[in-house]
Amino acid sequence: MGVAEARRPTPAERAAARQAARADREAIVRRYRAREPVRRIAAGYGVTDAWLTRRLRDWGVTPRRGYEAHAHRRSAGRVFRGRPLTRRTAAEVRAARDLFVAARDEAVRRYRSGEVSAAGLGREFGVHPAWVGRRLAEWGAREARPRPRPR
């Protein structure tokens, strides 16, 4: 007894599967927006993920970014430690950095007392911990560490 060979769907079967997917457009869009993988949705309807991706684009659904691709594997509260999945604009990053610089004395005091780490300050102010570490070194609150050289 050998392994059964996979049978390719006939053109009529493919057309029927695609028609069923088109008819269930709202449910497909809802599942996609709920972070369900396209491959899983497509398999449920018997269509290819490439075909379904094209239909989502045709239906005006904004495609997910690469860093969102595996978000379905974790709860919404755990994805990127609770940070939103959308990337911030340069203006938002500058605003967060300006807020940190404005709270310089308080940040240095808390860091020196051991109350919070550079990473903790970074999370609190929404800036990268390495950037916080460089600012703390510039302000004399910590020993400067050399930046790693690119390979």
Foldseek 3Di string as FASTA:
>chain_A
DDDDDDDDDDPVLQVVLVVVCVVVVVVLLVCVVVVDALCVVCVVSVHHSVVVVVVCVVVVHDDDDPLSNCVVVDDCCPRVVNDDPDDDDPVVQVVLVVVCVVCVVVVLVCCLVVVDHLCRVCVVSVHHSVVSLVVCCVVVSDPDDDDDDDD
